[in-house]
C-alpha atoms as a PDB file:
ATOM      1  CA  MET A   1       0.000   0.000   0.000  1.00  0.00           C
ATOM      2  CA  ASP A   2       1.472   3.317  -1.068  1.00  0.00           C
ATOM      3  CA  ILE A   3       0.010   6.161   1.020  1.00  0.00           C
ATOM      4  CA  LYS A   4       1.730   9.486   1.185  1.00  0.00           C
ATOM      5  CA  PHE A   5       1.844  11.230   4.540  1.00  0.00           C
ATOM      6  CA  GLY A   6       0.352  14.466   3.119  1.00  0.00           C
ATOM      7  CA  GLU A   7      -2.648  12.561   1.730  1.00  0.00           C
ATOM      8  CA  MET A   8      -3.199  10.812   5.049  1.00  0.00           C
ATOM      9  CA  GLU A   9      -2.888  14.114   6.902  1.00  0.00           C
ATOM     10  CA  LEU A  10      -5.483  15.738   4.605  1.00  0.00           C
ATOM     11  CA  LYS A  11      -7.927  12.841   5.047  1.00  0.00           C
ATOM     12  CA  ILE A  12      -7.590  13.066   8.838  1.00  0.00           C
ATOM     13  CA  PHE A  13      -8.069  16.835   8.731  1.00  0.00           C
ATOM     14  CA  GLU A  14     -11.217  16.514   6.574  1.00  0.00           C
ATOM     15  CA  PHE A  15     -12.608  13.814   8.879  1.00  0.00           C
ATOM     16  CA  VAL A  16     -11.989  15.891  12.021  1.00  0.00           C
ATOM     17  CA  CYS A  17     -13.535  19.011  10.441  1.00  0.00           C
ATOM     18  CA  GLU A  18     -16.651  17.046   9.461  1.00  0.00           C
ATOM     19  CA  LEU A  19     -16.866  15.643  12.996  1.00  0.00           C
ATOM     20  CA  ALA A  20     -16.529  19.151  14.470  1.00  0.00           C
ATOM     21  CA  ARG A  21     -19.286  20.470  12.165  1.00  0.00           C
ATOM     22  CA  ASN A  22     -21.614  17.635  13.205  1.00  0.00           C
ATOM     23  CA  ILE A  23     -20.913  18.225  16.901  1.00  0.00           C
ATOM     24  CA  THR A  24     -21.535  21.958  16.463  1.00  0.00           C
ATOM     25  CA  VAL A  25     -24.890  21.310  14.745  1.00  0.00           C
ATOM     26  CA  SER A  26     -25.893  18.977  17.558  1.00  0.00           C
ATOM     27  CA  ILE A  27     -24.969  21.501  20.265  1.00  0.00           C
ATOM     28  CA  LEU A  28     -26.695  24.432  18.529  1.00  0.00           C
ATOM     29  CA  GLU A  29     -29.878  22.451  17.922  1.00  0.00           C
ATOM     30  CA  GLN A  30     -29.891  21.204  21.528  1.00  0.00           C
ATOM     31  CA  LEU A  31     -29.585  24.809  22.741  1.00  0.00           C
ATOM     32  CA  ASP A  32     -32.439  25.800  20.441  1.00  0.00           C
ATOM     33  CA  GLU A  33     -34.580  22.965  21.815  1.00  0.00           C
ATOM     34  CA  ARG A  34     -33.733  23.971  25.386  1.00  0.00           C
ATOM     35  CA  LEU A  35     -34.797  27.552  24.696  1.00  0.00           C
ATOM     36  CA  ARG A  36     -38.053  26.253  23.196  1.00  0.00           C
ATOM     37  CA  ASN A  37     -38.793  24.236  26.328  1.00  0.00           C
ATOM     38  CA  GLU A  38     -37.651  26.774  28.935  1.00  0.00           C
ATOM     39  CA  ARG A  39     -38.862  30.064  27.457  1.00  0.00           C
ATOM     40  CA  ASP A  40     -41.635  32.163  28.968  1.00  0.00           C
ATOM     41  CA  LYS A  41     -44.395  30.892  26.674  1.00  0.00           C
ATOM     42  CA  LYS A  42     -46.666  33.830  27.459  1.00  0.00           C
ATOM     43  CA  ARG A  43     -44.024  36.327  26.404  1.00  0.00           C
ATOM     44  CA  TYR A  44     -42.266  34.501  23.553  1.00  0.00           C
ATOM     45  CA  ARG A  45     -44.391  32.940  20.819  1.00  0.00           C
ATOM     46  CA  MET A  46     -42.679  30.719  18.285  1.00  0.00           C
ATOM     47  CA  LYS A  47     -42.803  32.383  14.890  1.00  0.00           C
ATOM     48  CA  ASP A  48     -40.744  30.207  12.575  1.00  0.00           C
ATOM     49  CA  LYS A  49     -37.890  27.743  12.237  1.00  0.00           C
ATOM     50  CA  ASN A  50     -35.328  28.488   9.540  1.00  0.00           C
ATOM     51  CA  LYS A  51     -32.074  27.065   8.317  1.00  0.00           C
ATOM     52  CA  THR A  52     -29.045  29.271   8.770  1.00  0.00           C
ATOM     53  CA  ALA A  53     -25.285  28.869   8.508  1.00  0.00           C
ATOM     54  CA  ILE A  54     -22.247  30.110  10.370  1.00  0.00           C
ATOM     55  CA  LYS A  55     -18.641  30.162   9.216  1.00  0.00           C
ATOM     56  CA  THR A  56     -16.229  28.392  11.540  1.00  0.00           C
ATOM     57  CA  LEU A  57     -12.560  27.487  11.446  1.00  0.00           C
ATOM     58  CA  TYR A  58     -13.619  23.994  10.380  1.00  0.00           C
ATOM     59  CA  GLY A  59     -16.036  25.061   7.628  1.00  0.00           C
ATOM     60  CA  ASN A  60     -19.625  26.199   7.186  1.00  0.00           C
ATOM     61  CA  VAL A  61     -22.076  24.839   9.729  1.00  0.00           C
ATOM     62  CA  GLU A  62     -25.705  24.706   8.628  1.00  0.00           C
ATOM     63  CA  TYR A  63     -28.390  24.226  11.259  1.00  0.00           C
ATOM     64  CA  ALA A  64     -32.022  25.062  12.011  1.00  0.00           C
ATOM     65  CA  ARG A  65     -33.063  27.532  14.682  1.00  0.00           C
ATOM     66  CA  ARG A  66     -36.357  28.934  15.893  1.00  0.00           C
ATOM     67  CA  TYR A  67     -37.387  32.569  15.938  1.00  0.00           C
ATOM     68  CA  TYR A  68     -39.748  33.930  18.561  1.00  0.00           C
ATOM     69  CA  PHE A  69     -41.995  36.946  18.622  1.00  0.00           C
ATOM     70  CA  ASP A  70     -41.611  38.965  21.843  1.00  0.00           C
ATOM     71  CA  ASN A  71     -45.154  39.884  22.956  1.00  0.00           C
ATOM     72  CA  GLU A  72     -43.834  42.565  25.335  1.00  0.00           C
ATOM     73  CA  LYS A  73     -41.611  44.328  22.811  1.00  0.00           C
ATOM     74  CA  LYS A  74     -43.786  44.465  19.737  1.00  0.00           C
ATOM     75  CA  ASN A  75     -42.085  44.002  16.374  1.00  0.00           C
ATOM     76  CA  THR A  76     -39.152  42.248  18.073  1.00  0.00           C
ATOM     77  CA  PHE A  77     -37.975  38.768  17.223  1.00  0.00           C
ATOM     78  CA  ILE A  78     -35.362  36.716  19.048  1.00  0.00           C
ATOM     79  CA  CYS A  79     -33.516  33.514  18.234  1.00  0.00           C
ATOM     80  CA  SER A  80     -31.291  31.076  20.105  1.00  0.00           C
ATOM     81  CA  MET A  81     -28.001  32.396  18.759  1.00  0.00           C
ATOM     82  CA  LYS A  82     -27.084  35.324  16.613  1.00  0.00           C
ATOM     83  CA  LYS A  83     -24.108  35.203  14.295  1.00  0.00           C
END
């Protein structure tokens, strides 16, 4: 088997970056779910759930997050994490 070190290094790097992106998606979506469950439901009404993306050192991370309408501050929307 003829594997060059640089090729192996690149494959490991790509694998680790993909793993980091997947972990990040999982954490962000868990935080979003926690906010959904723990929010003041009288004040914050769920408006929508959209896909978004953030740029990280290990590549673009796409995930879904909810937006809430703030009943106390009219015309104000919040989400679990801003960029």
